[in-house]
Amino acid sequence: MTSVDPVLTQKQIAESFSNGNFETTFPFLAKTLEWNIVGDKTLVGREAVIEECKQVSNYFETITTKFTTLNVISEKNCVAVNGTAEFIRNGERLSFVSASDVYTFNDKNELQRIDSYCIK
């Protein structure tokens, strides 16, 4: 993969991903990206991450989501985002999650690693 034009900042890419706006981040995913969803699974490779994002997006279409970003910390090639997510269907809360995501970028402004921590 060639270097990506920096249309979005690393902070914007991280916030988009954390808030479920996955598709806007796809051009910035490194071919060798690893997404470690702590306590659940690790996805390896750009295509595996995109497939997971598409499945999550399909689920999001069946519910109402309310994402709240509490903090975004950015330094060098690393961005950390923490916040909450509420999932609602037919007026009833399905779940409420507190989450933190740590994003590591390579020198091409591509997302190289994601570590996601979620507490229900």
PDB file of N, CA and C in Angstrom:
ATOM      1  N   MET A   1       0.842  -1.176   0.000  1.00  0.00           N
ATOM      2  CA  MET A   1       0.000   0.000   0.000  1.00  0.00           C
ATOM      3  C   MET A   1       0.884   1.236   0.000  1.00  0.00           C
ATOM      4  N   THR A   2       0.502   2.200  -0.785  1.00  0.00           N
ATOM      5  CA  THR A   2       1.282   3.427  -0.842  1.00  0.00           C
ATOM      6  C   THR A   2       0.866   4.367   0.277  1.00  0.00           C
ATOM      7  N   SER A   3       1.649   5.377   0.459  1.00  0.00           N
ATOM      8  CA  SER A   3       1.364   6.368   1.490  1.00  0.00           C
ATOM      9  C   SER A   3       0.017   7.041   1.221  1.00  0.00           C
ATOM     10  N   VAL A   4      -0.728   7.286   2.282  1.00  0.00           N
ATOM     11  CA  VAL A   4      -2.052   7.876   2.181  1.00  0.00           C
ATOM     12  C   VAL A   4      -1.943   9.388   2.321  1.00  0.00           C
ATOM     13  N   ASP A   5      -2.661  10.119   1.472  1.00  0.00           N
ATOM     14  CA  ASP A   5      -2.708  11.568   1.628  1.00  0.00           C
ATOM     15  C   ASP A   5      -3.386  11.887   2.956  1.00  0.00           C
ATOM     16  N   PRO A   6      -2.803  12.769   3.749  1.00  0.00           N
ATOM     17  CA  PRO A   6      -3.360  13.049   5.073  1.00  0.00           C
ATOM     18  C   PRO A   6      -4.614  13.925   5.008  1.00  0.00           C
ATOM     19  N   VAL A   7      -5.711  13.347   4.485  1.00  0.00           N
ATOM     20  CA  VAL A   7      -6.975  14.060   4.404  1.00  0.00           C
ATOM     21  C   VAL A   7      -7.551  14.224   5.809  1.00  0.00           C
ATOM     22  N   LEU A   8      -7.419  13.196   6.628  1.00  0.00           N
ATOM     23  CA  LEU A   8      -7.847  13.239   8.021  1.00  0.00           C
ATOM     24  C   LEU A   8      -6.620  13.192   8.923  1.00  0.00           C
ATOM     25  N   THR A   9      -6.705  13.863  10.048  1.00  0.00           N
ATOM     26  CA  THR A   9      -5.622  13.771  11.025  1.00  0.00           C
ATOM     27  C   THR A   9      -5.723  12.432  11.750  1.00  0.00           C
ATOM     28  N   GLN A  10      -4.659  12.048  12.419  1.00  0.00           N
ATOM     29  CA  GLN A  10      -4.692  10.814  13.203  1.00  0.00           C
ATOM     30  C   GLN A  10      -5.791  10.882  14.256  1.00  0.00           C
ATOM     31  N   LYS A  11      -5.953  12.027  14.865  1.00  0.00           N
ATOM     32  CA  LYS A  11      -7.004  12.213  15.871  1.00  0.00           C
ATOM     33  C   LYS A  11      -8.387  12.002  15.253  1.00  0.00           C
ATOM     34  N   GLN A  12      -8.622  12.544  14.070  1.00  0.00           N
ATOM     35  CA  GLN A  12      -9.915  12.384  13.398  1.00  0.00           C
ATOM     36  C   GLN A  12     -10.170  10.931  13.012  1.00  0.00           C
ATOM     37  N   ILE A  13      -9.130  10.249  12.546  1.00  0.00           N
ATOM     38  CA  ILE A  13      -9.266   8.835  12.188  1.00  0.00           C
ATOM     39  C   ILE A  13      -9.658   8.030  13.420  1.00  0.00           C
ATOM     40  N   ALA A  14      -8.957   8.259  14.522  1.00  0.00           N
ATOM     41  CA  ALA A  14      -9.227   7.527  15.759  1.00  0.00           C
ATOM     42  C   ALA A  14     -10.638   7.800  16.268  1.00  0.00           C
ATOM     43  N   GLU A  15     -11.037   9.059  16.304  1.00  0.00           N
ATOM     44  CA  GLU A  15     -12.378   9.399  16.779  1.00  0.00           C
ATOM     45  C   GLU A  15     -13.451   8.788  15.888  1.00  0.00           C
ATOM     46  N   SER A  16     -13.245   8.804  14.586  1.00  0.00           N
ATOM     47  CA  SER A  16     -14.211   8.200  13.665  1.00  0.00           C
ATOM     48  C   SER A  16     -14.368   6.715  13.941  1.00  0.00           C
ATOM     49  N   PHE A  17     -13.259   6.018  14.091  1.00  0.00           N
ATOM     50  CA  PHE A  17     -13.304   4.577  14.347  1.00  0.00           C
ATOM     51  C   PHE A  17     -14.002   4.305  15.679  1.00  0.00           C
ATOM     52  N   SER A  18     -13.638   5.034  16.721  1.00  0.00           N
ATOM     53  CA  SER A  18     -14.225   4.816  18.044  1.00  0.00           C
ATOM     54  C   SER A  18     -15.724   5.079  18.067  1.00  0.00           C
ATOM     55  N   ASN A  19     -16.192   5.971  17.199  1.00  0.00           N
ATOM     56  CA  ASN A  19     -17.610   6.304  17.154  1.00  0.00           C
ATOM     57  C   ASN A  19     -18.382   5.514  16.103  1.00  0.00           C
ATOM     58  N   GLY A  20     -17.752   4.456  15.577  1.00  0.00           N
ATOM     59  CA  GLY A  20     -18.450   3.566  14.658  1.00  0.00           C
ATOM     60  C   GLY A  20     -18.552   4.057  13.236  1.00  0.00           C
ATOM     61  N   ASN A  21     -17.841   5.125  12.900  1.00  0.00           N
ATOM     62  CA  ASN A  21     -17.815   5.624  11.520  1.00  0.00           C
ATOM     63  C   ASN A  21     -16.636   4.981  10.792  1.00  0.00           C
ATOM     64  N   PHE A  22     -16.725   3.668  10.664  1.00  0.00           N
ATOM     65  CA  PHE A  22     -15.589   2.877  10.187  1.00  0.00           C
ATOM     66  C   PHE A  22     -15.186   3.192   8.755  1.00  0.00           C
ATOM     67  N   GLU A  23     -16.167   3.330   7.878  1.00  0.00           N
ATOM     68  CA  GLU A  23     -15.867   3.427   6.454  1.00  0.00           C
ATOM     69  C   GLU A  23     -14.935   4.593   6.124  1.00  0.00           C
ATOM     70  N   THR A  24     -15.064   5.693   6.846  1.00  0.00           N
ATOM     71  CA  THR A  24     -14.189   6.844   6.579  1.00  0.00           C
ATOM     72  C   THR A  24     -12.736   6.543   6.928  1.00  0.00           C
ATOM     73  N   THR A  25     -12.516   5.516   7.746  1.00  0.00           N
ATOM     74  CA  THR A  25     -11.152   5.179   8.163  1.00  0.00           C
ATOM     75  C   THR A  25     -10.490   4.147   7.250  1.00  0.00           C
ATOM     76  N   PHE A  26     -11.260   3.471   6.411  1.00  0.00           N
ATOM     77  CA  PHE A  26     -10.705   2.385   5.594  1.00  0.00           C
ATOM     78  C   PHE A  26      -9.483   2.781   4.775  1.00  0.00           C
ATOM     79  N   PRO A  27      -9.442   3.972   4.167  1.00  0.00           N
ATOM     80  CA  PRO A  27      -8.243   4.333   3.395  1.00  0.00           C
ATOM     81  C   PRO A  27      -6.982   4.475   4.253  1.00  0.00           C
ATOM     82  N   PHE A  28      -7.148   4.537   5.561  1.00  0.00           N
ATOM     83  CA  PHE A  28      -6.023   4.765   6.462  1.00  0.00           C
ATOM     84  C   PHE A  28      -5.604   3.510   7.227  1.00  0.00           C
ATOM     85  N   LEU A  29      -6.130   2.353   6.833  1.00  0.00           N
ATOM     86  CA  LEU A  29      -5.782   1.103   7.508  1.00  0.00           C
ATOM     87  C   LEU A  29      -4.566   0.470   6.841  1.00  0.00           C
ATOM     88  N   ALA A  30      -3.539   0.192   7.625  1.00  0.00           N
ATOM     89  CA  ALA A  30      -2.342  -0.473   7.101  1.00  0.00           C
ATOM     90  C   ALA A  30      -2.680  -1.910   6.719  1.00  0.00           C
ATOM     91  N   LYS A  31      -1.995  -2.419   5.732  1.00  0.00           N
ATOM     92  CA  LYS A  31      -2.216  -3.791   5.274  1.00  0.00           C
ATOM     93  C   LYS A  31      -1.996  -4.796   6.404  1.00  0.00           C
ATOM     94  N   THR A  32      -1.056  -4.506   7.288  1.00  0.00           N
ATOM     95  CA  THR A  32      -0.704  -5.425   8.381  1.00  0.00           C
ATOM     96  C   THR A  32      -1.328  -5.020   9.719  1.00  0.00           C
ATOM     97  N   LEU A  33      -2.402  -4.243   9.669  1.00  0.00           N
ATOM     98  CA  LEU A  33      -3.086  -3.776  10.874  1.00  0.00           C
ATOM     99  C   LEU A  33      -3.476  -4.932  11.793  1.00  0.00           C
ATOM    100  N   GLU A  34      -3.314  -4.719  13.108  1.00  0.00           N
ATOM    101  CA  GLU A  34      -3.811  -5.656  14.119  1.00  0.00           C
ATOM    102  C   GLU A  34      -4.791  -4.917  15.012  1.00  0.00           C
ATOM    103  N   TRP A  35      -5.956  -5.546  15.242  1.00  0.00           N
ATOM    104  CA  TRP A  35      -6.959  -4.984  16.148  1.00  0.00           C
ATOM    105  C   TRP A  35      -7.159  -5.975  17.279  1.00  0.00           C
ATOM    106  N   ASN A  36      -6.662  -5.614  18.446  1.00  0.00           N
ATOM    107  CA  ASN A  36      -6.770  -6.459  19.630  1.00  0.00           C
ATOM    108  C   ASN A  36      -7.966  -5.987  20.448  1.00  0.00           C
ATOM    109  N   ILE A  37      -9.034  -6.772  20.430  1.00  0.00           N
ATOM    110  CA  ILE A  37     -10.212  -6.496  21.243  1.00  0.00           C
ATOM    111  C   ILE A  37     -10.004  -7.320  22.508  1.00  0.00           C
ATOM    112  N   VAL A  38      -9.468  -6.665  23.530  1.00  0.00           N
ATOM    113  CA  VAL A  38      -8.974  -7.338  24.731  1.00  0.00           C
ATOM    114  C   VAL A  38     -10.069  -8.192  25.370  1.00  0.00           C
ATOM    115  N   GLY A  39      -9.712  -9.456  25.628  1.00  0.00           N
ATOM    116  CA  GLY A  39     -10.644 -10.388  26.242  1.00  0.00           C
ATOM    117  C   GLY A  39     -11.603 -11.032  25.268  1.00  0.00           C
ATOM    118  N   ASP A  40     -11.498 -10.678  23.979  1.00  0.00           N
ATOM    119  CA  ASP A  40     -12.413 -11.234  22.982  1.00  0.00           C
ATOM    120  C   ASP A  40     -11.657 -11.886  21.831  1.00  0.00           C
ATOM    121  N   LYS A  41     -10.987 -11.071  21.006  1.00  0.00           N
ATOM    122  CA  LYS A  41     -10.289 -11.614  19.840  1.00  0.00           C
ATOM    123  C   LYS A  41      -9.297 -10.602  19.302  1.00  0.00           C
ATOM    124  N   THR A  42      -8.409 -11.098  18.454  1.00  0.00           N
ATOM    125  CA  THR A  42      -7.469 -10.246  17.739  1.00  0.00           C
ATOM    126  C   THR A  42      -7.660 -10.481  16.254  1.00  0.00           C
ATOM    127  N   LEU A  43      -7.860  -9.399  15.526  1.00  0.00           N
ATOM    128  CA  LEU A  43      -8.004  -9.466  14.076  1.00  0.00           C
ATOM    129  C   LEU A  43      -6.690  -9.025  13.455  1.00  0.00           C
ATOM    130  N   VAL A  44      -6.221  -9.778  12.471  1.00  0.00           N
ATOM    131  CA  VAL A  44      -4.934  -9.492  11.842  1.00  0.00           C
ATOM    132  C   VAL A  44      -5.147  -9.248  10.352  1.00  0.00           C
ATOM    133  N   GLY A  45      -4.672  -8.105   9.890  1.00  0.00           N
ATOM    134  CA  GLY A  45      -4.759  -7.764   8.478  1.00  0.00           C
ATOM    135  C   GLY A  45      -5.901  -6.808   8.178  1.00  0.00           C
ATOM    136  N   ARG A  46      -5.651  -5.954   7.210  1.00  0.00           N
ATOM    137  CA  ARG A  46      -6.617  -4.926   6.805  1.00  0.00           C
ATOM    138  C   ARG A  46      -7.969  -5.523   6.451  1.00  0.00           C
ATOM    139  N   GLU A  47      -7.978  -6.579   5.652  1.00  0.00           N
ATOM    140  CA  GLU A  47      -9.239  -7.163   5.188  1.00  0.00           C
ATOM    141  C   GLU A  47     -10.045  -7.757   6.337  1.00  0.00           C
ATOM    142  N   ALA A  48      -9.379  -8.392   7.297  1.00  0.00           N
ATOM    143  CA  ALA A  48     -10.084  -8.959   8.459  1.00  0.00           C
ATOM    144  C   ALA A  48     -10.721  -7.850   9.289  1.00  0.00           C
ATOM    145  N   VAL A  49     -10.017  -6.745   9.448  1.00  0.00           N
ATOM    146  CA  VAL A  49     -10.553  -5.616  10.214  1.00  0.00           C
ATOM    147  C   VAL A  49     -11.740  -4.995   9.476  1.00  0.00           C
ATOM    148  N   ILE A  50     -11.620  -4.812   8.173  1.00  0.00           N
ATOM    149  CA  ILE A  50     -12.729  -4.245   7.391  1.00  0.00           C
ATOM    150  C   ILE A  50     -13.955  -5.144   7.481  1.00  0.00           C
ATOM    151  N   GLU A  51     -13.773  -6.445   7.387  1.00  0.00           N
ATOM    152  CA  GLU A  51     -14.903  -7.379   7.482  1.00  0.00           C
ATOM    153  C   GLU A  51     -15.592  -7.263   8.838  1.00  0.00           C
ATOM    154  N   GLU A  52     -14.816  -7.182   9.909  1.00  0.00           N
ATOM    155  CA  GLU A  52     -15.386  -7.015  11.251  1.00  0.00           C
ATOM    156  C   GLU A  52     -16.139  -5.691  11.350  1.00  0.00           C
ATOM    157  N   CYS A  53     -15.564  -4.638  10.804  1.00  0.00           N
ATOM    158  CA  CYS A  53     -16.220  -3.327  10.825  1.00  0.00           C
ATOM    159  C   CYS A  53     -17.555  -3.369  10.088  1.00  0.00           C
ATOM    160  N   LYS A  54     -17.600  -4.059   8.969  1.00  0.00           N
ATOM    161  CA  LYS A  54     -18.846  -4.171   8.202  1.00  0.00           C
ATOM    162  C   LYS A  54     -19.901  -4.931   8.996  1.00  0.00           C
ATOM    163  N   GLN A  55     -19.501  -5.987   9.694  1.00  0.00           N
ATOM    164  CA  GLN A  55     -20.449  -6.736  10.519  1.00  0.00           C
ATOM    165  C   GLN A  55     -20.984  -5.873  11.656  1.00  0.00           C
ATOM    166  N   VAL A  56     -20.110  -5.128  12.298  1.00  0.00           N
ATOM    167  CA  VAL A  56     -20.534  -4.234  13.385  1.00  0.00           C
ATOM    168  C   VAL A  56     -21.461  -3.148  12.835  1.00  0.00           C
ATOM    169  N   SER A  57     -21.126  -2.582  11.684  1.00  0.00           N
ATOM    170  CA  SER A  57     -21.970  -1.555  11.064  1.00  0.00           C
ATOM    171  C   SER A  57     -23.354  -2.099  10.745  1.00  0.00           C
ATOM    172  N   ASN A  58     -23.416  -3.332  10.256  1.00  0.00           N
ATOM    173  CA  ASN A  58     -24.713  -3.960   9.977  1.00  0.00           C
ATOM    174  C   ASN A  58     -25.538  -4.074  11.249  1.00  0.00           C
ATOM    175  N   TYR A  59     -24.905  -4.435  12.357  1.00  0.00           N
ATOM    176  CA  TYR A  59     -25.596  -4.498  13.641  1.00  0.00           C
ATOM    177  C   TYR A  59     -26.070  -3.105  14.054  1.00  0.00           C
ATOM    178  N   PHE A  60     -25.217  -2.102  13.898  1.00  0.00           N
ATOM    179  CA  PHE A  60     -25.580  -0.733  14.274  1.00  0.00           C
ATOM    180  C   PHE A  60     -26.814  -0.244  13.516  1.00  0.00           C
ATOM    181  N   GLU A  61     -27.036  -0.759  12.299  1.00  0.00           N
ATOM    182  CA  GLU A  61     -28.209  -0.363  11.519  1.00  0.00           C
ATOM    183  C   GLU A  61     -29.505  -0.899  12.121  1.00  0.00           C
ATOM    184  N   THR A  62     -29.427  -1.886  13.004  1.00  0.00           N
ATOM    185  CA  THR A  62     -30.627  -2.492  13.593  1.00  0.00           C
ATOM    186  C   THR A  62     -30.988  -1.881  14.940  1.00  0.00           C
ATOM    187  N   ILE A  63     -30.164  -0.955  15.428  1.00  0.00           N
ATOM    188  CA  ILE A  63     -30.377  -0.352  16.745  1.00  0.00           C
ATOM    189  C   ILE A  63     -30.111   1.148  16.682  1.00  0.00           C
ATOM    190  N   THR A  64     -30.427   1.817  17.772  1.00  0.00           N
ATOM    191  CA  THR A  64     -30.049   3.219  17.939  1.00  0.00           C
ATOM    192  C   THR A  64     -28.792   3.247  18.792  1.00  0.00           C
ATOM    193  N   THR A  65     -27.797   3.991  18.338  1.00  0.00           N
ATOM    194  CA  THR A  65     -26.547   4.085  19.092  1.00  0.00           C
ATOM    195  C   THR A  65     -26.357   5.510  19.591  1.00  0.00           C
ATOM    196  N   LYS A  66     -25.808   5.611  20.777  1.00  0.00           N
ATOM    197  CA  LYS A  66     -25.455   6.924  21.326  1.00  0.00           C
ATOM    198  C   LYS A  66     -24.023   6.829  21.840  1.00  0.00           C
ATOM    199  N   PHE A  67     -23.102   7.414  21.078  1.00  0.00           N
ATOM    200  CA  PHE A  67     -21.694   7.420  21.454  1.00  0.00           C
ATOM    201  C   PHE A  67     -21.361   8.762  22.108  1.00  0.00           C
ATOM    202  N   THR A  68     -20.647   8.707  23.207  1.00  0.00           N
ATOM    203  CA  THR A  68     -20.180   9.911  23.885  1.00  0.00           C
ATOM    204  C   THR A  68     -18.672   9.807  24.056  1.00  0.00           C
ATOM    205  N   THR A  69     -17.946  10.725  23.442  1.00  0.00           N
ATOM    206  CA  THR A  69     -16.494  10.766  23.595  1.00  0.00           C
ATOM    207  C   THR A  69     -16.170  11.618  24.815  1.00  0.00           C
ATOM    208  N   LEU A  70     -15.432  11.036  25.746  1.00  0.00           N
ATOM    209  CA  LEU A  70     -15.066  11.744  26.971  1.00  0.00           C
ATOM    210  C   LEU A  70     -13.703  12.411  26.863  1.00  0.00           C
ATOM    211  N   ASN A  71     -12.721  11.688  26.317  1.00  0.00           N
ATOM    212  CA  ASN A  71     -11.356  12.211  26.204  1.00  0.00           C
ATOM    213  C   ASN A  71     -10.693  11.706  24.934  1.00  0.00           C
ATOM    214  N   VAL A  72      -9.865  12.550  24.356  1.00  0.00           N
ATOM    215  CA  VAL A  72      -9.008  12.162  23.237  1.00  0.00           C
ATOM    216  C   VAL A  72      -7.621  12.709  23.552  1.00  0.00           C
ATOM    217  N   ILE A  73      -6.650  11.814  23.596  1.00  0.00           N
ATOM    218  CA  ILE A  73      -5.271  12.203  23.887  1.00  0.00           C
ATOM    219  C   ILE A  73      -4.419  11.783  22.700  1.00  0.00           C
ATOM    220  N   SER A  74      -3.661  12.723  22.169  1.00  0.00           N
ATOM    221  CA  SER A  74      -2.867  12.454  20.974  1.00  0.00           C
ATOM    222  C   SER A  74      -1.429  12.895  21.200  1.00  0.00           C
ATOM    223  N   GLU A  75      -0.490  11.990  20.881  1.00  0.00           N
ATOM    224  CA  GLU A  75       0.924  12.321  20.977  1.00  0.00           C
ATOM    225  C   GLU A  75       1.698  11.491  19.962  1.00  0.00           C
ATOM    226  N   LYS A  76       2.497  12.171  19.157  1.00  0.00           N
ATOM    227  CA  LYS A  76       3.279  11.526  18.098  1.00  0.00           C
ATOM    228  C   LYS A  76       2.363  10.659  17.248  1.00  0.00           C
ATOM    229  N   ASN A  77       2.642   9.358  17.138  1.00  0.00           N
ATOM    230  CA  ASN A  77       1.839   8.463  16.310  1.00  0.00           C
ATOM    231  C   ASN A  77       0.864   7.627  17.123  1.00  0.00           C
ATOM    232  N   CYS A  78       0.401   8.167  18.239  1.00  0.00           N
ATOM    233  CA  CYS A  78      -0.501   7.426  19.116  1.00  0.00           C
ATOM    234  C   CYS A  78      -1.677   8.319  19.530  1.00  0.00           C
ATOM    235  N   VAL A  79      -2.880   7.749  19.475  1.00  0.00           N
ATOM    236  CA  VAL A  79      -4.084   8.459  19.907  1.00  0.00           C
ATOM    237  C   VAL A  79      -4.869   7.525  20.814  1.00  0.00           C
ATOM    238  N   ALA A  80      -5.341   8.051  21.941  1.00  0.00           N
ATOM    239  CA  ALA A  80      -6.197   7.286  22.853  1.00  0.00           C
ATOM    240  C   ALA A  80      -7.550   7.986  22.937  1.00  0.00           C
ATOM    241  N   VAL A  81      -8.614   7.191  22.839  1.00  0.00           N
ATOM    242  CA  VAL A  81      -9.977   7.712  22.912  1.00  0.00           C
ATOM    243  C   VAL A  81     -10.714   6.910  23.967  1.00  0.00           C
ATOM    244  N   ASN A  82     -11.406   7.608  24.877  1.00  0.00           N
ATOM    245  CA  ASN A  82     -12.278   6.872  25.784  1.00  0.00           C
ATOM    246  C   ASN A  82     -13.637   7.534  25.805  1.00  0.00           C
ATOM    247  N   GLY A  83     -14.640   6.700  26.072  1.00  0.00           N
ATOM    248  CA  GLY A  83     -15.998   7.208  26.077  1.00  0.00           C
ATOM    249  C   GLY A  83     -16.983   6.118  26.422  1.00  0.00           C
ATOM    250  N   THR A  84     -18.242   6.390  26.098  1.00  0.00           N
ATOM    251  CA  THR A  84     -19.308   5.433  26.377  1.00  0.00           C
ATOM    252  C   THR A  84     -20.135   5.206  25.126  1.00  0.00           C
ATOM    253  N   ALA A  85     -20.828   4.082  25.126  1.00  0.00           N
ATOM    254  CA  ALA A  85     -21.747   3.760  24.036  1.00  0.00           C
ATOM    255  C   ALA A  85     -23.004   3.150  24.637  1.00  0.00           C
ATOM    256  N   GLU A  86     -24.133   3.662  24.181  1.00  0.00           N
ATOM    257  CA  GLU A  86     -25.417   3.125  24.611  1.00  0.00           C
ATOM    258  C   GLU A  86     -26.109   2.554  23.382  1.00  0.00           C
ATOM    259  N   PHE A  87     -26.656   1.353  23.521  1.00  0.00           N
ATOM    260  CA  PHE A  87     -27.324   0.672  22.421  1.00  0.00           C
ATOM    261  C   PHE A  87     -28.786   0.466  22.795  1.00  0.00           C
ATOM    262  N   ILE A  88     -29.683   0.987  21.947  1.00  0.00           N
ATOM    263  CA  ILE A  88     -31.111   1.013  22.254  1.00  0.00           C
ATOM    264  C   ILE A  88     -31.899   0.407  21.095  1.00  0.00           C
ATOM    265  N   ARG A  89     -32.932  -0.375  21.437  1.00  0.00           N
ATOM    266  CA  ARG A  89     -33.859  -0.896  20.433  1.00  0.00           C
ATOM    267  C   ARG A  89     -35.268  -0.777  21.002  1.00  0.00           C
ATOM    268  N   ASN A  90     -36.161  -0.213  20.215  1.00  0.00           N
ATOM    269  CA  ASN A  90     -37.563  -0.040  20.625  1.00  0.00           C
ATOM    270  C   ASN A  90     -37.676   0.662  21.973  1.00  0.00           C
ATOM    271  N   GLY A  91     -36.841   1.661  22.189  1.00  0.00           N
ATOM    272  CA  GLY A  91     -36.899   2.442  23.409  1.00  0.00           C
ATOM    273  C   GLY A  91     -36.287   1.784  24.632  1.00  0.00           C
ATOM    274  N   GLU A  92     -35.760   0.581  24.485  1.00  0.00           N
ATOM    275  CA  GLU A  92     -35.158  -0.126  25.616  1.00  0.00           C
ATOM    276  C   GLU A  92     -33.649  -0.224  25.451  1.00  0.00           C
ATOM    277  N   ARG A  93     -32.940   0.021  26.534  1.00  0.00           N
ATOM    278  CA  ARG A  93     -31.485  -0.084  26.516  1.00  0.00           C
ATOM    279  C   ARG A  93     -31.081  -1.555  26.453  1.00  0.00           C
ATOM    280  N   LEU A  94     -30.331  -1.892  25.415  1.00  0.00           N
ATOM    281  CA  LEU A  94     -29.792  -3.247  25.277  1.00  0.00           C
ATOM    282  C   LEU A  94     -28.512  -3.393  26.077  1.00  0.00           C
ATOM    283  N   SER A  95     -27.668  -2.365  25.994  1.00  0.00           N
ATOM    284  CA  SER A  95     -26.417  -2.394  26.751  1.00  0.00           C
ATOM    285  C   SER A  95     -25.814  -0.998  26.828  1.00  0.00           C
ATOM    286  N   PHE A  96     -24.929  -0.856  27.794  1.00  0.00           N
ATOM    287  CA  PHE A  96     -24.177   0.381  27.994  1.00  0.00           C
ATOM    288  C   PHE A  96     -22.732  -0.036  28.209  1.00  0.00           C
ATOM    289  N   VAL A  97     -21.833   0.548  27.440  1.00  0.00           N
ATOM    290  CA  VAL A  97     -20.435   0.140  27.456  1.00  0.00           C
ATOM    291  C   VAL A  97     -19.544   1.354  27.723  1.00  0.00           C
ATOM    292  N   SER A  98     -18.571   1.178  28.598  1.00  0.00           N
ATOM    293  CA  SER A  98     -17.484   2.145  28.750  1.00  0.00           C
ATOM    294  C   SER A  98     -16.293   1.562  28.001  1.00  0.00           C
ATOM    295  N   ALA A  99     -15.655   2.382  27.176  1.00  0.00           N
ATOM    296  CA  ALA A  99     -14.600   1.849  26.320  1.00  0.00           C
ATOM    297  C   ALA A  99     -13.420   2.802  26.215  1.00  0.00           C
ATOM    298  N   SER A 100     -12.262   2.206  25.974  1.00  0.00           N
ATOM    299  CA  SER A 100     -11.042   2.947  25.650  1.00  0.00           C
ATOM    300  C   SER A 100     -10.387   2.263  24.464  1.00  0.00           C
ATOM    301  N   ASP A 101      -9.954   3.052  23.514  1.00  0.00           N
ATOM    302  CA  ASP A 101      -9.246   2.541  22.343  1.00  0.00           C
ATOM    303  C   ASP A 101      -7.915   3.265  22.242  1.00  0.00           C
ATOM    304  N   VAL A 102      -6.859   2.501  22.009  1.00  0.00           N
ATOM    305  CA  VAL A 102      -5.530   3.071  21.801  1.00  0.00           C
ATOM    306  C   VAL A 102      -5.121   2.755  20.366  1.00  0.00           C
ATOM    307  N   TYR A 103      -4.840   3.799  19.607  1.00  0.00           N
ATOM    308  CA  TYR A 103      -4.510   3.685  18.186  1.00  0.00           C
ATOM    309  C   TYR A 103      -3.042   4.021  17.973  1.00  0.00           C
ATOM    310  N   THR A 104      -2.348   3.162  17.230  1.00  0.00           N
ATOM    311  CA  THR A 104      -0.955   3.409  16.881  1.00  0.00           C
ATOM    312  C   THR A 104      -0.855   3.518  15.361  1.00  0.00           C
ATOM    313  N   PHE A 105      -0.227   4.581  14.899  1.00  0.00           N
ATOM    314  CA  PHE A 105      -0.076   4.844  13.471  1.00  0.00           C
ATOM    315  C   PHE A 105       1.372   4.640  13.051  1.00  0.00           C
ATOM    316  N   ASN A 106       1.557   4.247  11.788  1.00  0.00           N
ATOM    317  CA  ASN A 106       2.914   4.144  11.249  1.00  0.00           C
ATOM    318  C   ASN A 106       3.315   5.488  10.639  1.00  0.00           C
ATOM    319  N   ASP A 107       4.487   5.549  10.053  1.00  0.00           N
ATOM    320  CA  ASP A 107       4.998   6.807   9.509  1.00  0.00           C
ATOM    321  C   ASP A 107       4.311   7.242   8.218  1.00  0.00           C
ATOM    322  N   LYS A 108       3.418   6.393   7.678  1.00  0.00           N
ATOM    323  CA  LYS A 108       2.651   6.746   6.479  1.00  0.00           C
ATOM    324  C   LYS A 108       1.259   7.262   6.847  1.00  0.00           C
ATOM    325  N   ASN A 109       1.027   7.521   8.133  1.00  0.00           N
ATOM    326  CA  ASN A 109      -0.277   7.963   8.640  1.00  0.00           C
ATOM    327  C   ASN A 109      -1.325   6.859   8.518  1.00  0.00           C
ATOM    328  N   GLU A 110      -0.864   5.607   8.491  1.00  0.00           N
ATOM    329  CA  GLU A 110      -1.780   4.470   8.436  1.00  0.00           C
ATOM    330  C   GLU A 110      -1.943   3.891   9.837  1.00  0.00           C
ATOM    331  N   LEU A 111      -3.141   3.445  10.109  1.00  0.00           N
ATOM    332  CA  LEU A 111      -3.430   2.816  11.389  1.00  0.00           C
ATOM    333  C   LEU A 111      -2.780   1.439  11.415  1.00  0.00           C
ATOM    334  N   GLN A 112      -1.843   1.231  12.339  1.00  0.00           N
ATOM    335  CA  GLN A 112      -1.055   0.001  12.419  1.00  0.00           C
ATOM    336  C   GLN A 112      -1.573  -0.955  13.490  1.00  0.00           C
ATOM    337  N   ARG A 113      -2.101  -0.408  14.588  1.00  0.00           N
ATOM    338  CA  ARG A 113      -2.568  -1.253  15.691  1.00  0.00           C
ATOM    339  C   ARG A 113      -3.681  -0.537  16.451  1.00  0.00           C
ATOM    340  N   ILE A 114      -4.665  -1.328  16.880  1.00  0.00           N
ATOM    341  CA  ILE A 114      -5.735  -0.829  17.745  1.00  0.00           C
ATOM    342  C   ILE A 114      -5.839  -1.781  18.925  1.00  0.00           C
ATOM    343  N   ASP A 115      -5.856  -1.235  20.120  1.00  0.00           N
ATOM    344  CA  ASP A 115      -6.132  -2.014  21.327  1.00  0.00           C
ATOM    345  C   ASP A 115      -7.418  -1.454  21.919  1.00  0.00           C
ATOM    346  N   SER A 116      -8.458  -2.288  21.970  1.00  0.00           N
ATOM    347  CA  SER A 116      -9.767  -1.857  22.459  1.00  0.00           C
ATOM    348  C   SER A 116     -10.093  -2.546  23.771  1.00  0.00           C
ATOM    349  N   TYR A 117     -10.520  -1.741  24.732  1.00  0.00           N
ATOM    350  CA  TYR A 117     -10.903  -2.234  26.057  1.00  0.00           C
ATOM    351  C   TYR A 117     -12.353  -1.825  26.299  1.00  0.00           C
ATOM    352  N   CYS A 118     -13.222  -2.795  26.582  1.00  0.00           N
ATOM    353  CA  CYS A 118     -14.644  -2.504  26.787  1.00  0.00           C
ATOM    354  C   CYS A 118     -15.124  -3.128  28.086  1.00  0.00           C
ATOM    355  N   ILE A 119     -15.896  -2.348  28.839  1.00  0.00           N
ATOM    356  CA  ILE A 119     -16.507  -2.839  30.070  1.00  0.00           C
ATOM    357  C   ILE A 119     -18.007  -2.615  29.952  1.00  0.00           C
ATOM    358  N   LYS A 120     -18.765  -3.703  30.109  1.00  0.00           N
ATOM    359  CA  LYS A 120     -20.232  -3.602  30.033  1.00  0.00           C
ATOM    360  C   LYS A 120     -20.814  -3.386  31.397  1.00  0.00           C
TER     361      LYS A 120
END
